[in-house]
Amino acid sequence: MISSACSSMGNLIGNGIDGNGGKKGELIFVPAFNGLYSPYWKYDARGLLLGLTSNTTSEHVTQAAYEATGFQIKEILTSLHVDSPVWAPTKKLTIGGDYAENNHFMQFISDIVGISIGEFSF
């Protein structure tokens, strides 16, 4: 179900509106299946999926997972900047794997982090 939702995401994450007229961000996903790791280190935290309704589709869940991943990246980069004053903030982030195949996800990351995104290549 989720893999087919990933392939049908198309430009949903890029539009700000889902296929059913809902707004982006109405479903909130916290991927803490085994706790929250960097930068929080709370091992007793548990995952959440908030905002479910009878109209929630697999595409909504997939979009929420993409957004959660993007915000995790932002939190880690922010914590690196705060905790390591000598660390020079990165000007470009390179992403590989399945995420790199979704241009809308890559743009979402670029927008919230405020840096350019490149695709990893061998």
PDB file of N, CA and C in Angstrom:
ATOM      1  N   MET A   1       0.820  -1.187   0.000  1.00  0.00           N
ATOM      2  CA  MET A   1       0.000   0.000   0.000  1.00  0.00           C
ATOM      3  C   MET A   1       0.868   1.257   0.000  1.00  0.00           C
ATOM      4  N   ILE A   2       1.872   1.317   0.886  1.00  0.00           N
ATOM      5  CA  ILE A   2       2.710   2.502   0.961  1.00  0.00           C
ATOM      6  C   ILE A   2       3.570   2.633  -0.283  1.00  0.00           C
ATOM      7  N   SER A   3       4.104   1.516  -0.799  1.00  0.00           N
ATOM      8  CA  SER A   3       4.954   1.618  -1.985  1.00  0.00           C
ATOM      9  C   SER A   3       4.160   2.137  -3.182  1.00  0.00           C
ATOM     10  N   SER A   4       2.899   1.737  -3.315  1.00  0.00           N
ATOM     11  CA  SER A   4       2.108   2.273  -4.414  1.00  0.00           C
ATOM     12  C   SER A   4       1.777   3.732  -4.173  1.00  0.00           C
ATOM     13  N   ALA A   5       1.629   4.130  -2.911  1.00  0.00           N
ATOM     14  CA  ALA A   5       1.380   5.542  -2.610  1.00  0.00           C
ATOM     15  C   ALA A   5       2.608   6.376  -2.951  1.00  0.00           C
ATOM     16  N   CYS A   6       3.795   5.827  -2.697  1.00  0.00           N
ATOM     17  CA  CYS A   6       5.026   6.554  -3.021  1.00  0.00           C
ATOM     18  C   CYS A   6       5.111   6.819  -4.506  1.00  0.00           C
ATOM     19  N   SER A   7       4.759   5.827  -5.304  1.00  0.00           N
ATOM     20  CA  SER A   7       4.858   6.011  -6.741  1.00  0.00           C
ATOM     21  C   SER A   7       3.767   6.922  -7.274  1.00  0.00           C
ATOM     22  N   SER A   8       2.642   7.023  -6.564  1.00  0.00           N
ATOM     23  CA  SER A   8       1.562   7.878  -7.039  1.00  0.00           C
ATOM     24  C   SER A   8       1.583   9.262  -6.418  1.00  0.00           C
ATOM     25  N   MET A   9       2.607   9.555  -5.600  1.00  0.00           N
ATOM     26  CA  MET A   9       2.679  10.864  -4.961  1.00  0.00           C
ATOM     27  C   MET A   9       2.720  11.971  -6.003  1.00  0.00           C
ATOM     28  N   GLY A  10       3.344  11.674  -7.139  1.00  0.00           N
ATOM     29  CA  GLY A  10       3.404  12.680  -8.188  1.00  0.00           C
ATOM     30  C   GLY A  10       3.861  14.008  -7.633  1.00  0.00           C
ATOM     31  N   ASN A  11       3.027  15.015  -7.786  1.00  0.00           N
ATOM     32  CA  ASN A  11       3.399  16.335  -7.294  1.00  0.00           C
ATOM     33  C   ASN A  11       2.570  16.754  -6.094  1.00  0.00           C
ATOM     34  N   LEU A  12       2.023  15.816  -5.345  1.00  0.00           N
ATOM     35  CA  LEU A  12       1.204  16.172  -4.194  1.00  0.00           C
ATOM     36  C   LEU A  12       1.990  16.966  -3.172  1.00  0.00           C
ATOM     37  N   ILE A  13       3.202  16.514  -2.862  1.00  0.00           N
ATOM     38  CA  ILE A  13       3.983  17.223  -1.851  1.00  0.00           C
ATOM     39  C   ILE A  13       4.386  18.597  -2.358  1.00  0.00           C
ATOM     40  N   GLY A  14       4.487  18.761  -3.654  1.00  0.00           N
ATOM     41  CA  GLY A  14       4.862  20.043  -4.208  1.00  0.00           C
ATOM     42  C   GLY A  14       3.719  21.044  -4.287  1.00  0.00           C
ATOM     43  N   ASN A  15       2.491  20.552  -4.334  1.00  0.00           N
ATOM     44  CA  ASN A  15       1.351  21.442  -4.486  1.00  0.00           C
ATOM     45  C   ASN A  15       0.913  22.125  -3.211  1.00  0.00           C
ATOM     46  N   GLY A  16       1.163  21.503  -2.068  1.00  0.00           N
ATOM     47  CA  GLY A  16       0.627  22.033  -0.833  1.00  0.00           C
ATOM     48  C   GLY A  16      -0.812  21.608  -0.633  1.00  0.00           C
ATOM     49  N   ILE A  17      -1.378  20.916  -1.605  1.00  0.00           N
ATOM     50  CA  ILE A  17      -2.754  20.433  -1.514  1.00  0.00           C
ATOM     51  C   ILE A  17      -2.743  18.982  -1.934  1.00  0.00           C
ATOM     52  N   ASP A  18      -3.455  18.160  -1.181  1.00  0.00           N
ATOM     53  CA  ASP A  18      -3.471  16.747  -1.541  1.00  0.00           C
ATOM     54  C   ASP A  18      -4.534  16.488  -2.598  1.00  0.00           C
ATOM     55  N   GLY A  19      -4.591  15.256  -3.053  1.00  0.00           N
ATOM     56  CA  GLY A  19      -5.516  14.892  -4.109  1.00  0.00           C
ATOM     57  C   GLY A  19      -6.978  15.009  -3.729  1.00  0.00           C
ATOM     58  N   ASN A  20      -7.298  15.104  -2.448  1.00  0.00           N
ATOM     59  CA  ASN A  20      -8.682  15.216  -2.003  1.00  0.00           C
ATOM     60  C   ASN A  20      -9.025  16.618  -1.517  1.00  0.00           C
ATOM     61  N   GLY A  21      -8.196  17.599  -1.841  1.00  0.00           N
ATOM     62  CA  GLY A  21      -8.475  18.971  -1.463  1.00  0.00           C
ATOM     63  C   GLY A  21      -7.993  19.346  -0.076  1.00  0.00           C
ATOM     64  N   GLY A  22      -7.393  18.413   0.643  1.00  0.00           N
ATOM     65  CA  GLY A  22      -6.875  18.717   1.972  1.00  0.00           C
ATOM     66  C   GLY A  22      -5.567  19.489   1.875  1.00  0.00           C
ATOM     67  N   LYS A  23      -5.196  20.139   2.945  1.00  0.00           N
ATOM     68  CA  LYS A  23      -3.959  20.916   2.954  1.00  0.00           C
ATOM     69  C   LYS A  23      -2.805  20.071   3.437  1.00  0.00           C
ATOM     70  N   LYS A  24      -1.629  20.375   2.919  1.00  0.00           N
ATOM     71  CA  LYS A  24      -0.407  19.711   3.345  1.00  0.00           C
ATOM     72  C   LYS A  24      -0.213  19.953   4.835  1.00  0.00           C
ATOM     73  N   GLY A  25       0.202  18.932   5.562  1.00  0.00           N
ATOM     74  CA  GLY A  25       0.463  19.085   6.978  1.00  0.00           C
ATOM     75  C   GLY A  25      -0.726  18.786   7.880  1.00  0.00           C
ATOM     76  N   GLU A  26      -1.872  18.399   7.315  1.00  0.00           N
ATOM     77  CA  GLU A  26      -3.019  18.072   8.156  1.00  0.00           C
ATOM     78  C   GLU A  26      -2.822  16.741   8.881  1.00  0.00           C
ATOM     79  N   LEU A  27      -1.970  15.886   8.358  1.00  0.00           N
ATOM     80  CA  LEU A  27      -1.629  14.626   8.991  1.00  0.00           C
ATOM     81  C   LEU A  27      -0.197  14.744   9.485  1.00  0.00           C
ATOM     82  N   ILE A  28       0.005  14.443  10.750  1.00  0.00           N
ATOM     83  CA  ILE A  28       1.329  14.595  11.349  1.00  0.00           C
ATOM     84  C   ILE A  28       1.864  13.229  11.739  1.00  0.00           C
ATOM     85  N   PHE A  29       3.067  12.957  11.283  1.00  0.00           N
ATOM     86  CA  PHE A  29       3.723  11.683  11.538  1.00  0.00           C
ATOM     87  C   PHE A  29       5.011  11.930  12.313  1.00  0.00           C
ATOM     88  N   VAL A  30       5.162  11.241  13.440  1.00  0.00           N
ATOM     89  CA  VAL A  30       6.401  11.292  14.219  1.00  0.00           C
ATOM     90  C   VAL A  30       7.022   9.903  14.154  1.00  0.00           C
ATOM     91  N   PRO A  31       8.099   9.741  13.372  1.00  0.00           N
ATOM     92  CA  PRO A  31       8.697   8.414  13.184  1.00  0.00           C
ATOM     93  C   PRO A  31       9.647   8.035  14.316  1.00  0.00           C
ATOM     94  N   ALA A  32       9.073   7.718  15.464  1.00  0.00           N
ATOM     95  CA  ALA A  32       9.892   7.352  16.629  1.00  0.00           C
ATOM     96  C   ALA A  32       9.578   5.906  17.010  1.00  0.00           C
ATOM     97  N   PHE A  33       9.800   5.003  16.102  1.00  0.00           N
ATOM     98  CA  PHE A  33       9.447   3.610  16.331  1.00  0.00           C
ATOM     99  C   PHE A  33      10.262   2.976  17.446  1.00  0.00           C
ATOM    100  N   ASN A  34      11.517   3.393  17.564  1.00  0.00           N
ATOM    101  CA  ASN A  34      12.396   2.886  18.627  1.00  0.00           C
ATOM    102  C   ASN A  34      12.940   4.040  19.452  1.00  0.00           C
ATOM    103  N   GLY A  35      12.183   5.116  19.534  1.00  0.00           N
ATOM    104  CA  GLY A  35      12.622   6.303  20.257  1.00  0.00           C
ATOM    105  C   GLY A  35      13.014   7.405  19.295  1.00  0.00           C
ATOM    106  N   LEU A  36      13.294   8.575  19.861  1.00  0.00           N
ATOM    107  CA  LEU A  36      13.784   9.701  19.064  1.00  0.00           C
ATOM    108  C   LEU A  36      15.295   9.754  19.213  1.00  0.00           C
ATOM    109  N   TYR A  37      15.959   9.759  18.111  1.00  0.00           N
ATOM    110  CA  TYR A  37      17.416   9.813  18.147  1.00  0.00           C
ATOM    111  C   TYR A  37      17.872  11.249  17.958  1.00  0.00           C
ATOM    112  N   SER A  38      18.981  11.442  17.302  1.00  0.00           N
ATOM    113  CA  SER A  38      19.567  12.776  17.183  1.00  0.00           C
ATOM    114  C   SER A  38      18.528  13.775  16.672  1.00  0.00           C
ATOM    115  N   PRO A  39      18.424  14.933  17.255  1.00  0.00           N
ATOM    116  CA  PRO A  39      19.226  15.508  18.324  1.00  0.00           C
ATOM    117  C   PRO A  39      18.609  15.368  19.722  1.00  0.00           C
ATOM    118  N   TYR A  40      17.562  14.570  19.883  1.00  0.00           N
ATOM    119  CA  TYR A  40      16.842  14.526  21.160  1.00  0.00           C
ATOM    120  C   TYR A  40      17.282  13.409  22.096  1.00  0.00           C
ATOM    121  N   TRP A  41      17.594  12.247  21.566  1.00  0.00           N
ATOM    122  CA  TRP A  41      18.048  11.106  22.351  1.00  0.00           C
ATOM    123  C   TRP A  41      17.065  10.734  23.458  1.00  0.00           C
ATOM    124  N   LYS A  42      15.817  10.530  23.072  1.00  0.00           N
ATOM    125  CA  LYS A  42      14.768  10.098  24.012  1.00  0.00           C
ATOM    126  C   LYS A  42      14.330   8.696  23.577  1.00  0.00           C
ATOM    127  N   TYR A  43      14.914   7.726  24.236  1.00  0.00           N
ATOM    128  CA  TYR A  43      14.686   6.339  23.826  1.00  0.00           C
ATOM    129  C   TYR A  43      13.300   5.822  24.179  1.00  0.00           C
ATOM    130  N   ASP A  44      12.608   6.498  25.096  1.00  0.00           N
ATOM    131  CA  ASP A  44      11.278   6.040  25.479  1.00  0.00           C
ATOM    132  C   ASP A  44      10.171   6.681  24.643  1.00  0.00           C
ATOM    133  N   ALA A  45      10.522   7.567  23.712  1.00  0.00           N
ATOM    134  CA  ALA A  45       9.527   8.188  22.839  1.00  0.00           C
ATOM    135  C   ALA A  45       8.942   7.139  21.894  1.00  0.00           C
ATOM    136  N   ARG A  46       7.722   7.356  21.494  1.00  0.00           N
ATOM    137  CA  ARG A  46       7.043   6.429  20.579  1.00  0.00           C
ATOM    138  C   ARG A  46       6.507   7.195  19.382  1.00  0.00           C
ATOM    139  N   GLY A  47       6.343   6.485  18.295  1.00  0.00           N
ATOM    140  CA  GLY A  47       5.844   7.094  17.068  1.00  0.00           C
ATOM    141  C   GLY A  47       4.384   7.506  17.190  1.00  0.00           C
ATOM    142  N   LEU A  48       4.019   8.499  16.394  1.00  0.00           N
ATOM    143  CA  LEU A  48       2.654   9.013  16.388  1.00  0.00           C
ATOM    144  C   LEU A  48       2.183   9.238  14.958  1.00  0.00           C
ATOM    145  N   LEU A  49       0.907   9.083  14.758  1.00  0.00           N
ATOM    146  CA  LEU A  49       0.264   9.465  13.511  1.00  0.00           C
ATOM    147  C   LEU A  49      -1.004  10.199  13.913  1.00  0.00           C
ATOM    148  N   LEU A  50      -0.980  11.517  13.796  1.00  0.00           N
ATOM    149  CA  LEU A  50      -2.081  12.362  14.263  1.00  0.00           C
ATOM    150  C   LEU A  50      -2.844  12.953  13.088  1.00  0.00           C
ATOM    151  N   GLY A  51      -4.137  13.097  13.265  1.00  0.00           N
ATOM    152  CA  GLY A  51      -4.962  13.732  12.255  1.00  0.00           C
ATOM    153  C   GLY A  51      -5.680  12.763  11.338  1.00  0.00           C
ATOM    154  N   LEU A  52      -5.695  11.484  11.684  1.00  0.00           N
ATOM    155  CA  LEU A  52      -6.376  10.496  10.852  1.00  0.00           C
ATOM    156  C   LEU A  52      -7.878  10.746  10.822  1.00  0.00           C
ATOM    157  N   THR A  53      -8.449  10.649   9.654  1.00  0.00           N
ATOM    158  CA  THR A  53      -9.904  10.723   9.488  1.00  0.00           C
ATOM    159  C   THR A  53     -10.331   9.593   8.565  1.00  0.00           C
ATOM    160  N   SER A  54     -11.613   9.495   8.316  1.00  0.00           N
ATOM    161  CA  SER A  54     -12.102   8.467   7.391  1.00  0.00           C
ATOM    162  C   SER A  54     -11.696   8.781   5.952  1.00  0.00           C
ATOM    163  N   ASN A  55     -11.255  10.008   5.691  1.00  0.00           N
ATOM    164  CA  ASN A  55     -10.815  10.387   4.346  1.00  0.00           C
ATOM    165  C   ASN A  55      -9.307  10.239   4.150  1.00  0.00           C
ATOM    166  N   THR A  56      -8.576   9.819   5.177  1.00  0.00           N
ATOM    167  CA  THR A  56      -7.130   9.666   5.069  1.00  0.00           C
ATOM    168  C   THR A  56      -6.799   8.526   4.122  1.00  0.00           C
ATOM    169  N   THR A  57      -5.884   8.799   3.210  1.00  0.00           N
ATOM    170  CA  THR A  57      -5.471   7.792   2.233  1.00  0.00           C
ATOM    171  C   THR A  57      -4.008   7.424   2.456  1.00  0.00           C
ATOM    172  N   SER A  58      -3.549   6.428   1.750  1.00  0.00           N
ATOM    173  CA  SER A  58      -2.139   6.053   1.849  1.00  0.00           C
ATOM    174  C   SER A  58      -1.238   7.172   1.334  1.00  0.00           C
ATOM    175  N   GLU A  59      -1.733   7.959   0.381  1.00  0.00           N
ATOM    176  CA  GLU A  59      -0.951   9.099  -0.102  1.00  0.00           C
ATOM    177  C   GLU A  59      -0.749  10.130   1.001  1.00  0.00           C
ATOM    178  N   HIS A  60      -1.772  10.347   1.854  1.00  0.00           N
ATOM    179  CA  HIS A  60      -1.641  11.274   2.971  1.00  0.00           C
ATOM    180  C   HIS A  60      -0.565  10.791   3.946  1.00  0.00           C
ATOM    181  N   VAL A  61      -0.576   9.503   4.238  1.00  0.00           N
ATOM    182  CA  VAL A  61       0.409   8.940   5.167  1.00  0.00           C
ATOM    183  C   VAL A  61       1.810   9.059   4.573  1.00  0.00           C
ATOM    184  N   THR A  62       1.934   8.776   3.280  1.00  0.00           N
ATOM    185  CA  THR A  62       3.228   8.893   2.612  1.00  0.00           C
ATOM    186  C   THR A  62       3.718  10.329   2.630  1.00  0.00           C
ATOM    187  N   GLN A  63       2.831  11.277   2.356  1.00  0.00           N
ATOM    188  CA  GLN A  63       3.216  12.689   2.378  1.00  0.00           C
ATOM    189  C   GLN A  63       3.661  13.096   3.775  1.00  0.00           C
ATOM    190  N   ALA A  64       2.955  12.644   4.805  1.00  0.00           N
ATOM    191  CA  ALA A  64       3.341  12.959   6.185  1.00  0.00           C
ATOM    192  C   ALA A  64       4.706  12.360   6.512  1.00  0.00           C
ATOM    193  N   ALA A  65       4.992  11.170   5.991  1.00  0.00           N
ATOM    194  CA  ALA A  65       6.303  10.553   6.223  1.00  0.00           C
ATOM    195  C   ALA A  65       7.408  11.344   5.528  1.00  0.00           C
ATOM    196  N   TYR A  66       7.153  11.805   4.307  1.00  0.00           N
ATOM    197  CA  TYR A  66       8.126  12.647   3.610  1.00  0.00           C
ATOM    198  C   TYR A  66       8.386  13.924   4.409  1.00  0.00           C
ATOM    199  N   GLU A  67       7.321  14.565   4.870  1.00  0.00           N
ATOM    200  CA  GLU A  67       7.477  15.800   5.635  1.00  0.00           C
ATOM    201  C   GLU A  67       8.243  15.556   6.934  1.00  0.00           C
ATOM    202  N   ALA A  68       7.938  14.450   7.627  1.00  0.00           N
ATOM    203  CA  ALA A  68       8.642  14.130   8.873  1.00  0.00           C
ATOM    204  C   ALA A  68      10.134  13.938   8.620  1.00  0.00           C
ATOM    205  N   THR A  69      10.471  13.265   7.537  1.00  0.00           N
ATOM    206  CA  THR A  69      11.872  13.067   7.187  1.00  0.00           C
ATOM    207  C   THR A  69      12.554  14.409   6.917  1.00  0.00           C
ATOM    208  N   GLY A  70      11.868  15.273   6.211  1.00  0.00           N
ATOM    209  CA  GLY A  70      12.418  16.599   5.937  1.00  0.00           C
ATOM    210  C   GLY A  70      12.676  17.393   7.206  1.00  0.00           C
ATOM    211  N   PHE A  71      11.742  17.353   8.144  1.00  0.00           N
ATOM    212  CA  PHE A  71      11.923  18.089   9.388  1.00  0.00           C
ATOM    213  C   PHE A  71      13.004  17.461  10.267  1.00  0.00           C
ATOM    214  N   GLN A  72      13.183  16.145  10.178  1.00  0.00           N
ATOM    215  CA  GLN A  72      14.281  15.505  10.903  1.00  0.00           C
ATOM    216  C   GLN A  72      15.628  15.986  10.365  1.00  0.00           C
ATOM    217  N   ILE A  73      15.743  16.090   9.061  1.00  0.00           N
ATOM    218  CA  ILE A  73      16.979  16.585   8.454  1.00  0.00           C
ATOM    219  C   ILE A  73      17.254  18.002   8.934  1.00  0.00           C
ATOM    220  N   LYS A  74      16.217  18.838   8.936  1.00  0.00           N
ATOM    221  CA  LYS A  74      16.383  20.219   9.401  1.00  0.00           C
ATOM    222  C   LYS A  74      16.832  20.250  10.866  1.00  0.00           C
ATOM    223  N   GLU A  75      16.230  19.425  11.728  1.00  0.00           N
ATOM    224  CA  GLU A  75      16.592  19.408  13.146  1.00  0.00           C
ATOM    225  C   GLU A  75      18.043  18.977  13.347  1.00  0.00           C
ATOM    226  N   ILE A  76      18.496  18.004  12.605  1.00  0.00           N
ATOM    227  CA  ILE A  76      19.876  17.540  12.739  1.00  0.00           C
ATOM    228  C   ILE A  76      20.862  18.607  12.277  1.00  0.00           C
ATOM    229  N   LEU A  77      20.583  19.247  11.139  1.00  0.00           N
ATOM    230  CA  LEU A  77      21.470  20.307  10.669  1.00  0.00           C
ATOM    231  C   LEU A  77      21.490  21.493  11.632  1.00  0.00           C
ATOM    232  N   THR A  78      20.337  21.826  12.197  1.00  0.00           N
ATOM    233  CA  THR A  78      20.269  22.915  13.179  1.00  0.00           C
ATOM    234  C   THR A  78      21.063  22.566  14.422  1.00  0.00           C
ATOM    235  N   SER A  79      20.940  21.322  14.910  1.00  0.00           N
ATOM    236  CA  SER A  79      21.675  20.930  16.112  1.00  0.00           C
ATOM    237  C   SER A  79      23.191  20.912  15.854  1.00  0.00           C
ATOM    238  N   LEU A  80      23.601  20.535  14.649  1.00  0.00           N
ATOM    239  CA  LEU A  80      25.025  20.585  14.313  1.00  0.00           C
ATOM    240  C   LEU A  80      25.544  22.018  14.397  1.00  0.00           C
ATOM    241  N   HIS A  81      24.762  22.941  13.911  1.00  0.00           N
ATOM    242  CA  HIS A  81      25.160  24.346  13.937  1.00  0.00           C
ATOM    243  C   HIS A  81      25.229  24.882  15.366  1.00  0.00           C
ATOM    244  N   VAL A  82      24.246  24.530  16.199  1.00  0.00           N
ATOM    245  CA  VAL A  82      24.191  25.028  17.580  1.00  0.00           C
ATOM    246  C   VAL A  82      25.252  24.363  18.454  1.00  0.00           C
ATOM    247  N   ASP A  83      25.398  23.053  18.328  1.00  0.00           N
ATOM    248  CA  ASP A  83      26.299  22.299  19.207  1.00  0.00           C
ATOM    249  C   ASP A  83      27.766  22.335  18.783  1.00  0.00           C
ATOM    250  N   SER A  84      28.017  22.704  17.551  1.00  0.00           N
ATOM    251  CA  SER A  84      29.393  22.717  17.042  1.00  0.00           C
ATOM    252  C   SER A  84      29.686  24.076  16.420  1.00  0.00           C
ATOM    253  N   PRO A  85      30.066  25.047  17.246  1.00  0.00           N
ATOM    254  CA  PRO A  85      30.288  26.396  16.724  1.00  0.00           C
ATOM    255  C   PRO A  85      31.372  26.468  15.643  1.00  0.00           C
ATOM    256  N   VAL A  86      32.312  25.541  15.648  1.00  0.00           N
ATOM    257  CA  VAL A  86      33.372  25.573  14.635  1.00  0.00           C
ATOM    258  C   VAL A  86      32.945  24.919  13.324  1.00  0.00           C
ATOM    259  N   TRP A  87      31.795  24.230  13.352  1.00  0.00           N
ATOM    260  CA  TRP A  87      31.291  23.578  12.142  1.00  0.00           C
ATOM    261  C   TRP A  87      30.746  24.637  11.197  1.00  0.00           C
ATOM    262  N   ALA A  88      31.275  24.675   9.995  1.00  0.00           N
ATOM    263  CA  ALA A  88      30.777  25.622   8.996  1.00  0.00           C
ATOM    264  C   ALA A  88      29.491  25.061   8.401  1.00  0.00           C
ATOM    265  N   PRO A  89      28.402  25.815   8.474  1.00  0.00           N
ATOM    266  CA  PRO A  89      27.147  25.322   7.910  1.00  0.00           C
ATOM    267  C   PRO A  89      27.313  24.931   6.447  1.00  0.00           C
ATOM    268  N   THR A  90      26.713  23.824   6.102  1.00  0.00           N
ATOM    269  CA  THR A  90      26.837  23.316   4.747  1.00  0.00           C
ATOM    270  C   THR A  90      26.080  24.202   3.765  1.00  0.00           C
ATOM    271  N   LYS A  91      26.603  24.313   2.572  1.00  0.00           N
ATOM    272  CA  LYS A  91      25.969  25.112   1.517  1.00  0.00           C
ATOM    273  C   LYS A  91      25.144  24.247   0.572  1.00  0.00           C
ATOM    274  N   LYS A  92      25.451  22.943   0.591  1.00  0.00           N
ATOM    275  CA  LYS A  92      24.736  22.021  -0.282  1.00  0.00           C
ATOM    276  C   LYS A  92      24.598  20.679   0.408  1.00  0.00           C
ATOM    277  N   LEU A  93      23.431  20.080   0.293  1.00  0.00           N
ATOM    278  CA  LEU A  93      23.154  18.774   0.871  1.00  0.00           C
ATOM    279  C   LEU A  93      22.972  17.785  -0.270  1.00  0.00           C
ATOM    280  N   THR A  94      23.642  16.638  -0.173  1.00  0.00           N
ATOM    281  CA  THR A  94      23.535  15.610  -1.201  1.00  0.00           C
ATOM    282  C   THR A  94      22.663  14.479  -0.679  1.00  0.00           C
ATOM    283  N   ILE A  95      21.664  14.113  -1.454  1.00  0.00           N
ATOM    284  CA  ILE A  95      20.707  13.076  -1.064  1.00  0.00           C
ATOM    285  C   ILE A  95      20.764  11.958  -2.097  1.00  0.00           C
ATOM    286  N   GLY A  96      20.742  10.715  -1.613  1.00  0.00           N
ATOM    287  CA  GLY A  96      20.742   9.568  -2.506  1.00  0.00           C
ATOM    288  C   GLY A  96      19.589   8.636  -2.196  1.00  0.00           C
ATOM    289  N   GLY A  97      19.486   7.583  -2.932  1.00  0.00           N
ATOM    290  CA  GLY A  97      18.458   6.574  -2.693  1.00  0.00           C
ATOM    291  C   GLY A  97      17.104   6.973  -3.262  1.00  0.00           C
ATOM    292  N   ASP A  98      16.067   6.327  -2.746  1.00  0.00           N
ATOM    293  CA  ASP A  98      14.714   6.550  -3.261  1.00  0.00           C
ATOM    294  C   ASP A  98      14.244   7.986  -3.083  1.00  0.00           C
ATOM    295  N   TYR A  99      14.655   8.620  -1.995  1.00  0.00           N
ATOM    296  CA  TYR A  99      14.239  10.006  -1.777  1.00  0.00           C
ATOM    297  C   TYR A  99      14.715  10.918  -2.900  1.00  0.00           C
ATOM    298  N   ALA A 100      15.888  10.659  -3.416  1.00  0.00           N
ATOM    299  CA  ALA A 100      16.459  11.514  -4.459  1.00  0.00           C
ATOM    300  C   ALA A 100      15.672  11.433  -5.762  1.00  0.00           C
ATOM    301  N   GLU A 101      14.882  10.392  -5.923  1.00  0.00           N
ATOM    302  CA  GLU A 101      14.094  10.240  -7.137  1.00  0.00           C
ATOM    303  C   GLU A 101      12.841  11.110  -7.120  1.00  0.00           C
ATOM    304  N   ASN A 102      12.491  11.661  -5.958  1.00  0.00           N
ATOM    305  CA  ASN A 102      11.294  12.484  -5.835  1.00  0.00           C
ATOM    306  C   ASN A 102      11.709  13.955  -5.802  1.00  0.00           C
ATOM    307  N   ASN A 103      11.580  14.627  -6.943  1.00  0.00           N
ATOM    308  CA  ASN A 103      11.998  16.023  -7.051  1.00  0.00           C
ATOM    309  C   ASN A 103      11.223  16.928  -6.107  1.00  0.00           C
ATOM    310  N   HIS A 104       9.964  16.628  -5.853  1.00  0.00           N
ATOM    311  CA  HIS A 104       9.154  17.456  -4.966  1.00  0.00           C
ATOM    312  C   HIS A 104       9.633  17.330  -3.523  1.00  0.00           C
ATOM    313  N   PHE A 105      10.028  16.134  -3.135  1.00  0.00           N
ATOM    314  CA  PHE A 105      10.579  15.946  -1.792  1.00  0.00           C
ATOM    315  C   PHE A 105      11.898  16.708  -1.663  1.00  0.00           C
ATOM    316  N   MET A 106      12.731  16.607  -2.679  1.00  0.00           N
ATOM    317  CA  MET A 106      14.015  17.310  -2.646  1.00  0.00           C
ATOM    318  C   MET A 106      13.789  18.820  -2.555  1.00  0.00           C
ATOM    319  N   GLN A 107      12.793  19.342  -3.257  1.00  0.00           N
ATOM    320  CA  GLN A 107      12.490  20.766  -3.183  1.00  0.00           C
ATOM    321  C   GLN A 107      11.955  21.136  -1.805  1.00  0.00           C
ATOM    322  N   PHE A 108      11.130  20.258  -1.223  1.00  0.00           N
ATOM    323  CA  PHE A 108      10.604  20.491   0.123  1.00  0.00           C
ATOM    324  C   PHE A 108      11.751  20.617   1.125  1.00  0.00           C
ATOM    325  N   ILE A 109      12.710  19.704   1.043  1.00  0.00           N
ATOM    326  CA  ILE A 109      13.878  19.758   1.937  1.00  0.00           C
ATOM    327  C   ILE A 109      14.637  21.066   1.727  1.00  0.00           C
ATOM    328  N   SER A 110      14.878  21.415   0.480  1.00  0.00           N
ATOM    329  CA  SER A 110      15.598  22.637   0.176  1.00  0.00           C
ATOM    330  C   SER A 110      14.878  23.860   0.748  1.00  0.00           C
ATOM    331  N   ASP A 111      13.572  23.876   0.652  1.00  0.00           N
ATOM    332  CA  ASP A 111      12.789  25.007   1.149  1.00  0.00           C
ATOM    333  C   ASP A 111      12.863  25.138   2.664  1.00  0.00           C
ATOM    334  N   ILE A 112      12.717  24.028   3.393  1.00  0.00           N
ATOM    335  CA  ILE A 112      12.689  24.148   4.855  1.00  0.00           C
ATOM    336  C   ILE A 112      14.076  24.286   5.461  1.00  0.00           C
ATOM    337  N   VAL A 113      15.091  23.738   4.800  1.00  0.00           N
ATOM    338  CA  VAL A 113      16.445  23.826   5.331  1.00  0.00           C
ATOM    339  C   VAL A 113      17.129  25.111   4.854  1.00  0.00           C
ATOM    340  N   GLY A 114      16.756  25.578   3.685  1.00  0.00           N
ATOM    341  CA  GLY A 114      17.322  26.816   3.167  1.00  0.00           C
ATOM    342  C   GLY A 114      18.661  26.658   2.479  1.00  0.00           C
ATOM    343  N   ILE A 115      18.939  25.450   1.976  1.00  0.00           N
ATOM    344  CA  ILE A 115      20.178  25.228   1.225  1.00  0.00           C
ATOM    345  C   ILE A 115      19.844  24.459  -0.056  1.00  0.00           C
ATOM    346  N   SER A 116      20.775  24.444  -0.994  1.00  0.00           N
ATOM    347  CA  SER A 116      20.532  23.714  -2.224  1.00  0.00           C
ATOM    348  C   SER A 116      20.724  22.221  -1.996  1.00  0.00           C
ATOM    349  N   ILE A 117      20.032  21.440  -2.791  1.00  0.00           N
ATOM    350  CA  ILE A 117      20.050  19.987  -2.677  1.00  0.00           C
ATOM    351  C   ILE A 117      20.588  19.403  -3.969  1.00  0.00           C
ATOM    352  N   GLY A 118      21.484  18.439  -3.851  1.00  0.00           N
ATOM    353  CA  GLY A 118      22.015  17.736  -5.002  1.00  0.00           C
ATOM    354  C   GLY A 118      21.741  16.257  -4.878  1.00  0.00           C
ATOM    355  N   GLU A 119      21.720  15.579  -6.003  1.00  0.00           N
ATOM    356  CA  GLU A 119      21.485  14.144  -6.006  1.00  0.00           C
ATOM    357  C   GLU A 119      22.823  13.420  -6.047  1.00  0.00           C
ATOM    358  N   PHE A 120      22.952  12.415  -5.207  1.00  0.00           N
ATOM    359  CA  PHE A 120      24.177  11.615  -5.154  1.00  0.00           C
ATOM    360  C   PHE A 120      24.277  10.788  -6.418  1.00  0.00           C
ATOM    361  N   SER A 121      25.460  10.734  -6.984  1.00  0.00           N
ATOM    362  CA  SER A 121      25.676   9.867  -8.144  1.00  0.00           C
ATOM    363  C   SER A 121      27.027   9.186  -8.013  1.00  0.00           C
ATOM    364  N   PHE A 122      27.129   8.003  -8.556  1.00  0.00           N
ATOM    365  CA  PHE A 122      28.367   7.236  -8.480  1.00  0.00           C
ATOM    366  C   PHE A 122      29.328   7.664  -9.551  1.00  0.00           C
TER     367      PHE A 122
END
